[in-house]
Amino acid sequence: MGIVWVIIIGFVVGIIAKFIMPGRNEPSGFILTTILGIVGAMVATFLGQAAGWYQPGQSAGLIGAVLGALLILAVWGMIVRRRETV
């Protein structure tokens, strides 16, 4: 049941992040949106533990996961923009 919750929360986080930061060159589709949310949560957890905000073994919450997904979308947008200008 744990993996099902990871997929559901990842999808919700991905949708929220895409709603906050829309773009025409963003990854789309159910699977990529879910992966965006899951990786965003992992990035937020890693950065939060490195900064001392989370204890080892503690994961980021919904807001942290959305911020991590927004960070990934921002980096994605910079990479796509750089490819278009070259």
PDB file of N, CA and C in Angstrom:
ATOM      1  N   MET A   1       0.825  -1.198   0.000  1.00  0.00           N
ATOM      2  CA  MET A   1       0.000   0.000   0.000  1.00  0.00           C
ATOM      3  C   MET A   1       0.868   1.260   0.000  1.00  0.00           C
ATOM      4  N   GLY A   2       2.109   1.170   0.484  1.00  0.00           N
ATOM      5  CA  GLY A   2       2.974   2.335   0.569  1.00  0.00           C
ATOM      6  C   GLY A   2       3.312   2.922  -0.789  1.00  0.00           C
ATOM      7  N   ILE A   3       3.581   2.075  -1.777  1.00  0.00           N
ATOM      8  CA  ILE A   3       3.934   2.575  -3.103  1.00  0.00           C
ATOM      9  C   ILE A   3       2.750   3.266  -3.767  1.00  0.00           C
ATOM     10  N   VAL A   4       1.547   2.814  -3.467  1.00  0.00           N
ATOM     11  CA  VAL A   4       0.352   3.455  -4.024  1.00  0.00           C
ATOM     12  C   VAL A   4       0.236   4.882  -3.495  1.00  0.00           C
ATOM     13  N   TRP A   5       0.498   5.076  -2.208  1.00  0.00           N
ATOM     14  CA  TRP A   5       0.454   6.424  -1.629  1.00  0.00           C
ATOM     15  C   TRP A   5       1.544   7.304  -2.210  1.00  0.00           C
ATOM     16  N   VAL A   6       2.728   6.750  -2.454  1.00  0.00           N
ATOM     17  CA  VAL A   6       3.809   7.531  -3.061  1.00  0.00           C
ATOM     18  C   VAL A   6       3.388   8.016  -4.443  1.00  0.00           C
ATOM     19  N   ILE A   7       2.752   7.146  -5.217  1.00  0.00           N
ATOM     20  CA  ILE A   7       2.309   7.529  -6.556  1.00  0.00           C
ATOM     21  C   ILE A   7       1.202   8.573  -6.494  1.00  0.00           C
ATOM     22  N   ILE A   8       0.250   8.404  -5.597  1.00  0.00           N
ATOM     23  CA  ILE A   8      -0.860   9.356  -5.483  1.00  0.00           C
ATOM     24  C   ILE A   8      -0.351  10.727  -5.032  1.00  0.00           C
ATOM     25  N   ILE A   9       0.450  10.750  -3.979  1.00  0.00           N
ATOM     26  CA  ILE A   9       0.985  12.030  -3.484  1.00  0.00           C
ATOM     27  C   ILE A   9       1.908  12.655  -4.521  1.00  0.00           C
ATOM     28  N   GLY A  10       2.719  11.855  -5.202  1.00  0.00           N
ATOM     29  CA  GLY A  10       3.578  12.379  -6.262  1.00  0.00           C
ATOM     30  C   GLY A  10       2.780  13.021  -7.374  1.00  0.00           C
ATOM     31  N   PHE A  11       1.667  12.398  -7.754  1.00  0.00           N
ATOM     32  CA  PHE A  11       0.816  12.968  -8.794  1.00  0.00           C
ATOM     33  C   PHE A  11       0.202  14.288  -8.343  1.00  0.00           C
ATOM     34  N   VAL A  12      -0.279  14.332  -7.111  1.00  0.00           N
ATOM     35  CA  VAL A  12      -0.880  15.566  -6.586  1.00  0.00           C
ATOM     36  C   VAL A  12       0.164  16.682  -6.518  1.00  0.00           C
ATOM     37  N   VAL A  13       1.355  16.355  -6.043  1.00  0.00           N
ATOM     38  CA  VAL A  13       2.429  17.357  -5.957  1.00  0.00           C
ATOM     39  C   VAL A  13       2.806  17.841  -7.356  1.00  0.00           C
ATOM     40  N   GLY A  14       2.900  16.938  -8.317  1.00  0.00           N
ATOM     41  CA  GLY A  14       3.221  17.327  -9.683  1.00  0.00           C
ATOM     42  C   GLY A  14       2.174  18.239 -10.280  1.00  0.00           C
ATOM     43  N   ILE A  15       0.900  17.953 -10.041  1.00  0.00           N
ATOM     44  CA  ILE A  15      -0.179  18.808 -10.547  1.00  0.00           C
ATOM     45  C   ILE A  15      -0.109  20.198  -9.918  1.00  0.00           C
ATOM     46  N   ILE A  16       0.110  20.263  -8.609  1.00  0.00           N
ATOM     47  CA  ILE A  16       0.195  21.558  -7.930  1.00  0.00           C
ATOM     48  C   ILE A  16       1.365  22.370  -8.476  1.00  0.00           C
ATOM     49  N   ALA A  17       2.516  21.719  -8.648  1.00  0.00           N
ATOM     50  CA  ALA A  17       3.694  22.430  -9.156  1.00  0.00           C
ATOM     51  C   ALA A  17       3.468  22.929 -10.578  1.00  0.00           C
ATOM     52  N   LYS A  18       2.843  22.117 -11.420  1.00  0.00           N
ATOM     53  CA  LYS A  18       2.574  22.547 -12.790  1.00  0.00           C
ATOM     54  C   LYS A  18       1.525  23.651 -12.832  1.00  0.00           C
ATOM     55  N   PHE A  19       0.599  23.663 -11.864  1.00  0.00           N
ATOM     56  CA  PHE A  19      -0.402  24.722 -11.791  1.00  0.00           C
ATOM     57  C   PHE A  19       0.253  26.044 -11.377  1.00  0.00           C
ATOM     58  N   ILE A  20       1.210  25.983 -10.455  1.00  0.00           N
ATOM     59  CA  ILE A  20       1.885  27.194  -9.987  1.00  0.00           C
ATOM     60  C   ILE A  20       2.826  27.732 -11.051  1.00  0.00           C
ATOM     61  N   MET A  21       3.554  26.843 -11.749  1.00  0.00           N
ATOM     62  CA  MET A  21       4.540  27.258 -12.744  1.00  0.00           C
ATOM     63  C   MET A  21       4.212  26.613 -14.096  1.00  0.00           C
ATOM     64  N   PRO A  22       3.221  27.158 -14.812  1.00  0.00           N
ATOM     65  CA  PRO A  22       2.885  26.569 -16.113  1.00  0.00           C
ATOM     66  C   PRO A  22       3.933  26.938 -17.159  1.00  0.00           C
ATOM     67  N   GLY A  23       4.031  26.119 -18.163  1.00  0.00           N
ATOM     68  CA  GLY A  23       4.962  26.381 -19.259  1.00  0.00           C
ATOM     69  C   GLY A  23       4.631  25.497 -20.437  1.00  0.00           C
ATOM     70  N   ARG A  24       5.049  25.924 -21.597  1.00  0.00           N
ATOM     71  CA  ARG A  24       4.708  25.147 -22.784  1.00  0.00           C
ATOM     72  C   ARG A  24       5.662  23.988 -23.005  1.00  0.00           C
ATOM     73  N   ASN A  25       6.856  24.050 -22.448  1.00  0.00           N
ATOM     74  CA  ASN A  25       7.846  22.992 -22.654  1.00  0.00           C
ATOM     75  C   ASN A  25       8.032  22.111 -21.432  1.00  0.00           C
ATOM     76  N   GLU A  26       7.061  22.086 -20.547  1.00  0.00           N
ATOM     77  CA  GLU A  26       7.180  21.267 -19.344  1.00  0.00           C
ATOM     78  C   GLU A  26       6.807  19.824 -19.650  1.00  0.00           C
ATOM     79  N   PRO A  27       7.341  18.893 -18.869  1.00  0.00           N
ATOM     80  CA  PRO A  27       6.959  17.500 -19.071  1.00  0.00           C
ATOM     81  C   PRO A  27       5.463  17.323 -18.814  1.00  0.00           C
ATOM     82  N   SER A  28       4.803  16.559 -19.659  1.00  0.00           N
ATOM     83  CA  SER A  28       3.361  16.399 -19.502  1.00  0.00           C
ATOM     84  C   SER A  28       2.992  14.928 -19.496  1.00  0.00           C
ATOM     85  N   GLY A  29       1.778  14.664 -19.111  1.00  0.00           N
ATOM     86  CA  GLY A  29       1.294  13.301 -19.025  1.00  0.00           C
ATOM     87  C   GLY A  29       1.263  12.820 -17.589  1.00  0.00           C
ATOM     88  N   PHE A  30       0.485  11.776 -17.349  1.00  0.00           N
ATOM     89  CA  PHE A  30       0.306  11.245 -15.998  1.00  0.00           C
ATOM     90  C   PHE A  30       1.622  10.752 -15.408  1.00  0.00           C
ATOM     91  N   ILE A  31       2.367   9.997 -16.170  1.00  0.00           N
ATOM     92  CA  ILE A  31       3.591   9.382 -15.646  1.00  0.00           C
ATOM     93  C   ILE A  31       4.643  10.448 -15.350  1.00  0.00           C
ATOM     94  N   LEU A  32       4.865  11.385 -16.267  1.00  0.00           N
ATOM     95  CA  LEU A  32       5.875  12.416 -16.032  1.00  0.00           C
ATOM     96  C   LEU A  32       5.470  13.373 -14.915  1.00  0.00           C
ATOM     97  N   THR A  33       4.184  13.652 -14.782  1.00  0.00           N
ATOM     98  CA  THR A  33       3.715  14.482 -13.679  1.00  0.00           C
ATOM     99  C   THR A  33       3.955  13.780 -12.346  1.00  0.00           C
ATOM    100  N   THR A  34       3.694  12.486 -12.299  1.00  0.00           N
ATOM    101  CA  THR A  34       3.921  11.711 -11.081  1.00  0.00           C
ATOM    102  C   THR A  34       5.400  11.651 -10.750  1.00  0.00           C
ATOM    103  N   ILE A  35       6.235  11.413 -11.754  1.00  0.00           N
ATOM    104  CA  ILE A  35       7.680  11.367 -11.528  1.00  0.00           C
ATOM    105  C   ILE A  35       8.175  12.727 -11.051  1.00  0.00           C
ATOM    106  N   LEU A  36       7.659  13.799 -11.621  1.00  0.00           N
ATOM    107  CA  LEU A  36       8.024  15.146 -11.178  1.00  0.00           C
ATOM    108  C   LEU A  36       7.728  15.327  -9.697  1.00  0.00           C
ATOM    109  N   GLY A  37       6.559  14.917  -9.259  1.00  0.00           N
ATOM    110  CA  GLY A  37       6.190  15.054  -7.854  1.00  0.00           C
ATOM    111  C   GLY A  37       7.036  14.189  -6.939  1.00  0.00           C
ATOM    112  N   ILE A  38       7.313  12.954  -7.338  1.00  0.00           N
ATOM    113  CA  ILE A  38       8.114  12.055  -6.510  1.00  0.00           C
ATOM    114  C   ILE A  38       9.548  12.553  -6.407  1.00  0.00           C
ATOM    115  N   VAL A  39      10.134  12.945  -7.528  1.00  0.00           N
ATOM    116  CA  VAL A  39      11.513  13.454  -7.507  1.00  0.00           C
ATOM    117  C   VAL A  39      11.570  14.784  -6.764  1.00  0.00           C
ATOM    118  N   GLY A  40      10.540  15.606  -6.889  1.00  0.00           N
ATOM    119  CA  GLY A  40      10.494  16.856  -6.131  1.00  0.00           C
ATOM    120  C   GLY A  40      10.500  16.611  -4.634  1.00  0.00           C
ATOM    121  N   ALA A  41       9.775  15.597  -4.199  1.00  0.00           N
ATOM    122  CA  ALA A  41       9.777  15.246  -2.776  1.00  0.00           C
ATOM    123  C   ALA A  41      11.141  14.731  -2.341  1.00  0.00           C
ATOM    124  N   MET A  42      11.790  13.946  -3.205  1.00  0.00           N
ATOM    125  CA  MET A  42      13.123  13.446  -2.863  1.00  0.00           C
ATOM    126  C   MET A  42      14.142  14.580  -2.781  1.00  0.00           C
ATOM    127  N   VAL A  43      14.061  15.527  -3.709  1.00  0.00           N
ATOM    128  CA  VAL A  43      14.965  16.681  -3.686  1.00  0.00           C
ATOM    129  C   VAL A  43      14.729  17.515  -2.432  1.00  0.00           C
ATOM    130  N   ALA A  44      13.474  17.762  -2.098  1.00  0.00           N
ATOM    131  CA  ALA A  44      13.148  18.542  -0.901  1.00  0.00           C
ATOM    132  C   ALA A  44      13.626  17.831   0.362  1.00  0.00           C
ATOM    133  N   THR A  45      13.475  16.523   0.410  1.00  0.00           N
ATOM    134  CA  THR A  45      13.940  15.760   1.570  1.00  0.00           C
ATOM    135  C   THR A  45      15.454  15.852   1.687  1.00  0.00           C
ATOM    136  N   PHE A  46      16.165  15.678   0.575  1.00  0.00           N
ATOM    137  CA  PHE A  46      17.630  15.743   0.600  1.00  0.00           C
ATOM    138  C   PHE A  46      18.112  17.119   1.031  1.00  0.00           C
ATOM    139  N   LEU A  47      17.561  18.165   0.420  1.00  0.00           N
ATOM    140  CA  LEU A  47      17.982  19.519   0.766  1.00  0.00           C
ATOM    141  C   LEU A  47      17.598  19.882   2.202  1.00  0.00           C
ATOM    142  N   GLY A  48      16.428  19.437   2.644  1.00  0.00           N
ATOM    143  CA  GLY A  48      15.991  19.711   4.008  1.00  0.00           C
ATOM    144  C   GLY A  48      16.865  19.015   5.042  1.00  0.00           C
ATOM    145  N   GLN A  49      17.274  17.789   4.764  1.00  0.00           N
ATOM    146  CA  GLN A  49      18.161  17.085   5.685  1.00  0.00           C
ATOM    147  C   GLN A  49      19.552  17.702   5.668  1.00  0.00           C
ATOM    148  N   ALA A  50      20.019  18.140   4.503  1.00  0.00           N
ATOM    149  CA  ALA A  50      21.332  18.780   4.412  1.00  0.00           C
ATOM    150  C   ALA A  50      21.351  20.116   5.153  1.00  0.00           C
ATOM    151  N   ALA A  51      20.225  20.834   5.127  1.00  0.00           N
ATOM    152  CA  ALA A  51      20.141  22.122   5.810  1.00  0.00           C
ATOM    153  C   ALA A  51      19.827  21.972   7.295  1.00  0.00           C
ATOM    154  N   GLY A  52      19.468  20.764   7.719  1.00  0.00           N
ATOM    155  CA  GLY A  52      19.161  20.530   9.121  1.00  0.00           C
ATOM    156  C   GLY A  52      17.712  20.756   9.492  1.00  0.00           C
ATOM    157  N   TRP A  53      16.851  20.928   8.502  1.00  0.00           N
ATOM    158  CA  TRP A  53      15.436  21.151   8.772  1.00  0.00           C
ATOM    159  C   TRP A  53      14.726  19.858   9.112  1.00  0.00           C
ATOM    160  N   TYR A  54      15.189  18.742   8.546  1.00  0.00           N
ATOM    161  CA  TYR A  54      14.592  17.429   8.789  1.00  0.00           C
ATOM    162  C   TYR A  54      15.629  16.526   9.438  1.00  0.00           C
ATOM    163  N   GLN A  55      15.163  15.659  10.309  1.00  0.00           N
ATOM    164  CA  GLN A  55      16.028  14.666  10.940  1.00  0.00           C
ATOM    165  C   GLN A  55      16.278  13.528   9.945  1.00  0.00           C
ATOM    166  N   PRO A  56      17.373  12.767  10.133  1.00  0.00           N
ATOM    167  CA  PRO A  56      17.589  11.609   9.262  1.00  0.00           C
ATOM    168  C   PRO A  56      16.395  10.648   9.340  1.00  0.00           C
ATOM    169  N   GLY A  57      15.930  10.210   8.203  1.00  0.00           N
ATOM    170  CA  GLY A  57      14.777   9.325   8.135  1.00  0.00           C
ATOM    171  C   GLY A  57      13.454  10.053   8.024  1.00  0.00           C
ATOM    172  N   GLN A  58      13.459  11.364   8.223  1.00  0.00           N
ATOM    173  CA  GLN A  58      12.243  12.161   8.118  1.00  0.00           C
ATOM    174  C   GLN A  58      12.133  12.703   6.696  1.00  0.00           C
ATOM    175  N   SER A  59      10.946  12.666   6.115  1.00  0.00           N
ATOM    176  CA  SER A  59      10.778  13.143   4.747  1.00  0.00           C
ATOM    177  C   SER A  59      10.093  14.506   4.722  1.00  0.00           C
ATOM    178  N   ALA A  60      10.177  15.127   3.565  1.00  0.00           N
ATOM    179  CA  ALA A  60       9.563  16.440   3.386  1.00  0.00           C
ATOM    180  C   ALA A  60       8.047  16.306   3.358  1.00  0.00           C
ATOM    181  N   GLY A  61       7.366  17.348   3.742  1.00  0.00           N
ATOM    182  CA  GLY A  61       5.913  17.370   3.693  1.00  0.00           C
ATOM    183  C   GLY A  61       5.423  17.810   2.329  1.00  0.00           C
ATOM    184  N   LEU A  62       4.150  18.060   2.234  1.00  0.00           N
ATOM    185  CA  LEU A  62       3.536  18.427   0.961  1.00  0.00           C
ATOM    186  C   LEU A  62       4.104  19.735   0.422  1.00  0.00           C
ATOM    187  N   ILE A  63       4.235  20.731   1.279  1.00  0.00           N
ATOM    188  CA  ILE A  63       4.745  22.026   0.827  1.00  0.00           C
ATOM    189  C   ILE A  63       6.189  21.905   0.379  1.00  0.00           C
ATOM    190  N   GLY A  64       6.998  21.178   1.126  1.00  0.00           N
ATOM    191  CA  GLY A  64       8.385  20.962   0.738  1.00  0.00           C
ATOM    192  C   GLY A  64       8.491  20.215  -0.581  1.00  0.00           C
ATOM    193  N   ALA A  65       7.637  19.226  -0.776  1.00  0.00           N
ATOM    194  CA  ALA A  65       7.645  18.467  -2.023  1.00  0.00           C
ATOM    195  C   ALA A  65       7.260  19.348  -3.208  1.00  0.00           C
ATOM    196  N   VAL A  66       6.291  20.225  -3.011  1.00  0.00           N
ATOM    197  CA  VAL A  66       5.893  21.143  -4.084  1.00  0.00           C
ATOM    198  C   VAL A  66       7.047  22.096  -4.400  1.00  0.00           C
ATOM    199  N   LEU A  67       7.726  22.603  -3.378  1.00  0.00           N
ATOM    200  CA  LEU A  67       8.869  23.482  -3.617  1.00  0.00           C
ATOM    201  C   LEU A  67       9.987  22.749  -4.356  1.00  0.00           C
ATOM    202  N   GLY A  68      10.216  21.487  -3.999  1.00  0.00           N
ATOM    203  CA  GLY A  68      11.204  20.691  -4.718  1.00  0.00           C
ATOM    204  C   GLY A  68      10.815  20.486  -6.170  1.00  0.00           C
ATOM    205  N   ALA A  69       9.544  20.236  -6.434  1.00  0.00           N
ATOM    206  CA  ALA A  69       9.067  20.067  -7.810  1.00  0.00           C
ATOM    207  C   ALA A  69       9.168  21.384  -8.582  1.00  0.00           C
ATOM    208  N   LEU A  70       8.906  22.498  -7.924  1.00  0.00           N
ATOM    209  CA  LEU A  70       9.056  23.801  -8.576  1.00  0.00           C
ATOM    210  C   LEU A  70      10.512  24.055  -8.941  1.00  0.00           C
ATOM    211  N   LEU A  71      11.421  23.647  -8.071  1.00  0.00           N
ATOM    212  CA  LEU A  71      12.848  23.782  -8.353  1.00  0.00           C
ATOM    213  C   LEU A  71      13.220  22.959  -9.591  1.00  0.00           C
ATOM    214  N   ILE A  72      12.698  21.756  -9.671  1.00  0.00           N
ATOM    215  CA  ILE A  72      12.972  20.915 -10.834  1.00  0.00           C
ATOM    216  C   ILE A  72      12.391  21.534 -12.105  1.00  0.00           C
ATOM    217  N   LEU A  73      11.183  22.073 -12.021  1.00  0.00           N
ATOM    218  CA  LEU A  73      10.584  22.726 -13.189  1.00  0.00           C
ATOM    219  C   LEU A  73      11.389  23.946 -13.621  1.00  0.00           C
ATOM    220  N   ALA A  74      11.919  24.700 -12.667  1.00  0.00           N
ATOM    221  CA  ALA A  74      12.732  25.868 -13.008  1.00  0.00           C
ATOM    222  C   ALA A  74      14.009  25.446 -13.721  1.00  0.00           C
ATOM    223  N   VAL A  75      14.664  24.416 -13.219  1.00  0.00           N
ATOM    224  CA  VAL A  75      15.880  23.915 -13.867  1.00  0.00           C
ATOM    225  C   VAL A  75      15.541  23.375 -15.250  1.00  0.00           C
ATOM    226  N   TRP A  76      14.428  22.640 -15.369  1.00  0.00           N
ATOM    227  CA  TRP A  76      13.989  22.114 -16.661  1.00  0.00           C
ATOM    228  C   TRP A  76      13.769  23.259 -17.651  1.00  0.00           C
ATOM    229  N   GLY A  77      13.126  24.337 -17.205  1.00  0.00           N
ATOM    230  CA  GLY A  77      12.877  25.480 -18.076  1.00  0.00           C
ATOM    231  C   GLY A  77      14.159  26.135 -18.547  1.00  0.00           C
ATOM    232  N   MET A  78      15.165  26.219 -17.674  1.00  0.00           N
ATOM    233  CA  MET A  78      16.450  26.803 -18.080  1.00  0.00           C
ATOM    234  C   MET A  78      17.157  25.918 -19.107  1.00  0.00           C
ATOM    235  N   ILE A  79      17.082  24.605 -18.931  1.00  0.00           N
ATOM    236  CA  ILE A  79      17.729  23.692 -19.879  1.00  0.00           C
ATOM    237  C   ILE A  79      17.049  23.771 -21.241  1.00  0.00           C
ATOM    238  N   VAL A  80      15.721  23.786 -21.248  1.00  0.00           N
ATOM    239  CA  VAL A  80      14.988  23.836 -22.516  1.00  0.00           C
ATOM    240  C   VAL A  80      15.235  25.164 -23.214  1.00  0.00           C
ATOM    241  N   ARG A  81      15.243  26.264 -22.467  1.00  0.00           N
ATOM    242  CA  ARG A  81      15.506  27.572 -23.062  1.00  0.00           C
ATOM    243  C   ARG A  81      16.892  27.630 -23.675  1.00  0.00           C
ATOM    244  N   ARG A  82      17.867  27.049 -22.985  1.00  0.00           N
ATOM    245  CA  ARG A  82      19.234  27.063 -23.482  1.00  0.00           C
ATOM    246  C   ARG A  82      19.341  26.251 -24.767  1.00  0.00           C
ATOM    247  N   ARG A  83      18.618  25.135 -24.861  1.00  0.00           N
ATOM    248  CA  ARG A  83      18.623  24.314 -26.080  1.00  0.00           C
ATOM    249  C   ARG A  83      17.992  25.051 -27.256  1.00  0.00           C
ATOM    250  N   GLU A  84      16.946  25.828 -26.987  1.00  0.00           N
ATOM    251  CA  GLU A  84      16.246  26.532 -28.069  1.00  0.00           C
ATOM    252  C   GLU A  84      17.088  27.649 -28.645  1.00  0.00           C
ATOM    253  N   THR A  85      17.945  28.280 -27.846  1.00  0.00           N
ATOM    254  CA  THR A  85      18.752  29.392 -28.333  1.00  0.00           C
ATOM    255  C   THR A  85      20.006  28.923 -29.055  1.00  0.00           C
ATOM    256  N   VAL A  86      20.399  27.689 -28.854  1.00  0.00           N
ATOM    257  CA  VAL A  86      21.625  27.175 -29.499  1.00  0.00           C
ATOM    258  C   VAL A  86      21.339  26.690 -30.874  1.00  0.00           C
TER     259      VAL A  86
END
